[in-house]
C-alpha atoms as a PDB file:
ATOM      1  CA  MET A   1     -43.539 -74.079 -98.708  1.00  0.00           C
ATOM      2  CA  PRO A   2     -44.260 -71.527-101.482  1.00  0.00           C
ATOM      3  CA  ASP A   3     -41.322 -69.954-103.243  1.00  0.00           C
ATOM      4  CA  ALA A   4     -40.824 -66.308-102.338  1.00  0.00           C
ATOM      5  CA  ASP A   5     -39.393 -63.939-104.914  1.00  0.00           C
ATOM      6  CA  PHE A   6     -36.951 -61.982-102.789  1.00  0.00           C
ATOM      7  CA  ASP A   7     -35.070 -60.748-105.880  1.00  0.00           C
ATOM      8  CA  LYS A   8     -38.120 -58.850-107.127  1.00  0.00           C
ATOM      9  CA  ALA A   9     -37.235 -55.187-107.599  1.00  0.00           C
ATOM     10  CA  ARG A  10     -38.912 -52.666-105.265  1.00  0.00           C
ATOM     11  CA  ARG A  11     -41.199 -50.056-106.749  1.00  0.00           C
ATOM     12  CA  SER A  12     -39.299 -47.288-104.917  1.00  0.00           C
ATOM     13  CA  THR A  13     -36.314 -46.855-102.627  1.00  0.00           C
ATOM     14  CA  ARG A  14     -36.765 -47.344 -98.891  1.00  0.00           C
ATOM     15  CA  VAL A  15     -35.624 -44.514 -96.628  1.00  0.00           C
ATOM     16  CA  PHE A  16     -35.035 -45.186 -92.943  1.00  0.00           C
ATOM     17  CA  MET A  17     -36.627 -42.106 -91.434  1.00  0.00           C
ATOM     18  CA  ARG A  18     -38.798 -41.223 -88.499  1.00  0.00           C
ATOM     19  CA  VAL A  19     -41.807 -39.200 -89.622  1.00  0.00           C
ATOM     20  CA  ARG A  20     -44.685 -38.373 -87.292  1.00  0.00           C
ATOM     21  CA  VAL A  21     -47.985 -39.666 -88.580  1.00  0.00           C
ATOM     22  CA  VAL A  22     -51.499 -40.285 -87.210  1.00  0.00           C
ATOM     23  CA  VAL A  23     -53.126 -43.582 -88.169  1.00  0.00           C
ATOM     24  CA  ALA A  24     -56.891 -44.015 -87.988  1.00  0.00           C
ATOM     25  CA  GLY A  25     -59.305 -46.789 -88.913  1.00  0.00           C
ATOM     26  CA  LYS A  26     -61.003 -49.854 -87.443  1.00  0.00           C
ATOM     27  CA  ASN A  27     -58.965 -52.471 -85.626  1.00  0.00           C
ATOM     28  CA  SER A  28     -59.546 -56.230 -85.816  1.00  0.00           C
ATOM     29  CA  ASP A  29     -62.069 -55.886 -82.943  1.00  0.00           C
ATOM     30  CA  ASN A  30     -64.073 -53.588 -85.267  1.00  0.00           C
ATOM     31  CA  ARG A  31     -63.408 -50.598 -82.962  1.00  0.00           C
ATOM     32  CA  ARG A  32     -62.444 -47.231 -84.366  1.00  0.00           C
ATOM     33  CA  PHE A  33     -59.014 -46.007 -83.362  1.00  0.00           C
ATOM     34  CA  ARG A  34     -56.715 -43.038 -83.889  1.00  0.00           C
ATOM     35  CA  GLU A  35     -53.060 -43.369 -82.897  1.00  0.00           C
ATOM     36  CA  ALA A  36     -50.098 -41.026 -83.262  1.00  0.00           C
ATOM     37  CA  CYS A  37     -46.832 -42.791 -84.093  1.00  0.00           C
ATOM     38  CA  GLU A  38     -43.577 -42.475 -86.013  1.00  0.00           C
ATOM     39  CA  THR A  39     -42.447 -44.357 -89.079  1.00  0.00           C
ATOM     40  CA  ILE A  40     -39.447 -46.661 -89.170  1.00  0.00           C
ATOM     41  CA  VAL A  41     -39.106 -46.856 -92.976  1.00  0.00           C
ATOM     42  CA  ILE A  42     -40.830 -44.878 -95.719  1.00  0.00           C
ATOM     43  CA  ASN A  43     -40.989 -45.021 -99.509  1.00  0.00           C
ATOM     44  CA  ALA A  44     -43.125 -43.525-102.291  1.00  0.00           C
ATOM     45  CA  HIS A  45     -45.685 -46.286-101.897  1.00  0.00           C
ATOM     46  CA  GLY A  46     -46.108 -46.586 -98.122  1.00  0.00           C
ATOM     47  CA  GLY A  47     -44.227 -47.148 -94.903  1.00  0.00           C
ATOM     48  CA  LEU A  48     -43.522 -49.235 -91.830  1.00  0.00           C
ATOM     49  CA  MET A  49     -44.400 -48.124 -88.298  1.00  0.00           C
ATOM     50  CA  TYR A  50     -45.101 -49.439 -84.807  1.00  0.00           C
ATOM     51  CA  LEU A  51     -48.778 -49.457 -83.786  1.00  0.00           C
ATOM     52  CA  ASN A  52     -50.497 -50.631 -80.600  1.00  0.00           C
ATOM     53  CA  GLN A  53     -53.671 -51.819 -82.328  1.00  0.00           C
ATOM     54  CA  PRO A  54     -54.743 -55.305 -83.319  1.00  0.00           C
ATOM     55  CA  LEU A  55     -55.009 -55.068 -87.093  1.00  0.00           C
ATOM     56  CA  ALA A  56     -55.814 -57.527 -89.859  1.00  0.00           C
ATOM     57  CA  MET A  57     -54.022 -57.972 -93.174  1.00  0.00           C
ATOM     58  CA  ASN A  58     -55.647 -55.862 -95.938  1.00  0.00           C
ATOM     59  CA  ALA A  59     -57.350 -53.586 -93.393  1.00  0.00           C
ATOM     60  CA  ILE A  60     -57.848 -50.055 -94.699  1.00  0.00           C
ATOM     61  CA  VAL A  61     -56.403 -47.247 -92.547  1.00  0.00           C
ATOM     62  CA  VAL A  62     -55.972 -43.519 -93.125  1.00  0.00           C
ATOM     63  CA  LEU A  63     -52.597 -41.909 -92.454  1.00  0.00           C
ATOM     64  CA  THR A  64     -52.517 -38.188 -91.715  1.00  0.00           C
ATOM     65  CA  ASN A  65     -49.378 -36.074 -91.882  1.00  0.00           C
ATOM     66  CA  PRO A  66     -49.900 -33.769 -88.830  1.00  0.00           C
ATOM     67  CA  PHE A  67     -47.733 -31.017 -90.344  1.00  0.00           C
ATOM     68  CA  THR A  68     -49.564 -30.722 -93.672  1.00  0.00           C
ATOM     69  CA  GLN A  69     -52.886 -32.341 -92.681  1.00  0.00           C
ATOM     70  CA  GLU A  70     -52.627 -34.392 -95.889  1.00  0.00           C
ATOM     71  CA  GLU A  71     -54.414 -37.750 -95.660  1.00  0.00           C
ATOM     72  CA  GLN A  72     -53.565 -40.930 -97.480  1.00  0.00           C
ATOM     73  CA  GLU A  73     -55.793 -44.008 -97.567  1.00  0.00           C
ATOM     74  CA  SER A  74     -53.669 -47.149 -97.148  1.00  0.00           C
ATOM     75  CA  ARG A  75     -53.883 -50.941 -96.921  1.00  0.00           C
ATOM     76  CA  VAL A  76     -52.132 -53.067 -94.266  1.00  0.00           C
ATOM     77  CA  VAL A  77     -49.726 -55.315 -96.180  1.00  0.00           C
ATOM     78  CA  TYR A  78     -47.409 -56.531 -93.366  1.00  0.00           C
ATOM     79  CA  LEU A  79     -47.918 -57.444 -89.726  1.00  0.00           C
ATOM     80  CA  GLY A  80     -44.742 -58.137 -87.749  1.00  0.00           C
ATOM     81  CA  GLU A  81     -44.400 -59.612 -84.315  1.00  0.00           C
ATOM     82  CA  ALA A  82     -45.482 -57.601 -81.293  1.00  0.00           C
ATOM     83  CA  THR A  83     -42.672 -55.935 -79.325  1.00  0.00           C
ATOM     84  CA  ASP A  84     -42.500 -53.538 -76.361  1.00  0.00           C
ATOM     85  CA  LYS A  85     -42.779 -50.697 -78.918  1.00  0.00           C
ATOM     86  CA  GLY A  86     -45.902 -52.200 -80.499  1.00  0.00           C
ATOM     87  CA  GLN A  87     -46.479 -54.293 -83.596  1.00  0.00           C
ATOM     88  CA  ARG A  88     -44.607 -53.463 -86.773  1.00  0.00           C
ATOM     89  CA  VAL A  89     -47.206 -52.628 -89.403  1.00  0.00           C
ATOM     90  CA  GLY A  90     -46.459 -52.123 -93.069  1.00  0.00           C
ATOM     91  CA  VAL A  91     -48.914 -50.073 -95.145  1.00  0.00           C
ATOM     92  CA  GLU A  92     -49.225 -49.472 -98.856  1.00  0.00           C
ATOM     93  CA  PHE A  93     -50.810 -46.296-100.143  1.00  0.00           C
ATOM     94  CA  LEU A  94     -53.824 -46.971-102.351  1.00  0.00           C
ATOM     95  CA  THR A  95     -52.433 -44.224-104.612  1.00  0.00           C
ATOM     96  CA  PRO A  96     -48.651 -43.561-104.720  1.00  0.00           C
ATOM     97  CA  ALA A  97     -47.846 -40.373-102.801  1.00  0.00           C
ATOM     98  CA  PRO A  98     -44.114 -39.766-102.552  1.00  0.00           C
ATOM     99  CA  HIS A  99     -44.543 -36.231-101.246  1.00  0.00           C
ATOM    100  CA  PHE A 100     -46.878 -37.263 -98.407  1.00  0.00           C
ATOM    101  CA  TRP A 101     -43.845 -37.732 -96.156  1.00  0.00           C
ATOM    102  CA  GLY A 102     -42.373 -34.268 -96.745  1.00  0.00           C
ATOM    103  CA  VAL A 103     -38.939 -35.701 -97.594  1.00  0.00           C
ATOM    104  CA  ASP A 104     -36.573 -33.023 -98.942  1.00  0.00           C
ATOM    105  CA  PHE A 105     -34.067 -35.479-100.440  1.00  0.00           C
ATOM    106  CA  VAL A 106     -36.381 -37.469-102.661  1.00  0.00           C
ATOM    107  CA  PRO A 107     -34.666 -40.541-104.147  1.00  0.00           C
ATOM    108  CA  THR A 108     -34.431 -40.465-107.924  1.00  0.00           C
ATOM    109  CA  ASP A 109     -36.822 -43.372-108.404  1.00  0.00           C
ATOM    110  CA  TRP A 110     -39.692 -41.640-106.545  1.00  0.00           C
ATOM    111  CA  PRO A 111     -42.214 -40.076-108.946  1.00  0.00           C
ATOM    112  CA  ALA A 112     -42.029 -36.305-109.454  1.00  0.00           C
ATOM    113  CA  PRO A 113     -44.831 -34.146-108.001  1.00  0.00           C
ATOM    114  CA  PRO A 114     -47.588 -33.148-110.403  1.00  0.00           C
ATOM    115  CA  ALA A 115     -47.019 -29.847-112.130  1.00  0.00           C
ATOM    116  CA  THR A 116     -49.036 -26.998-110.654  1.00  0.00           C
ATOM    117  CA  VAL A 117     -50.923 -24.652-112.937  1.00  0.00           C
ATOM    118  CA  ARG A 118     -50.810 -21.060-111.855  1.00  0.00           C
ATOM    119  CA  PRO A 119     -53.503 -18.624-112.944  1.00  0.00           C
ATOM    120  CA  SER A 120     -52.249 -15.912-115.274  1.00  0.00           C
END
């Protein structure tokens, strides 16, 4: 059995928080889907949620924040066992986006938002 490095430091702090999100993409049957759900855990680099779609590891999905309409392309990096709530699916943003979630209490290890330039 391969050795797992469980002591490896995380890239950003996990926050247990329910955030509404819409997930869209192609499932493992190659059918397009769009499903509204809530997250279980979020961080600056992705999140964990329950989905009722058969997905494959490394599948690309698009998450949409329904409040801001911001979209984030993501890769499936974890598939948990199916439950009555659906399958736990972990996704990793292709580009870190700590402000995608709209979290007001951003942990100190999440990257700061880019500075905005205002016209003079």
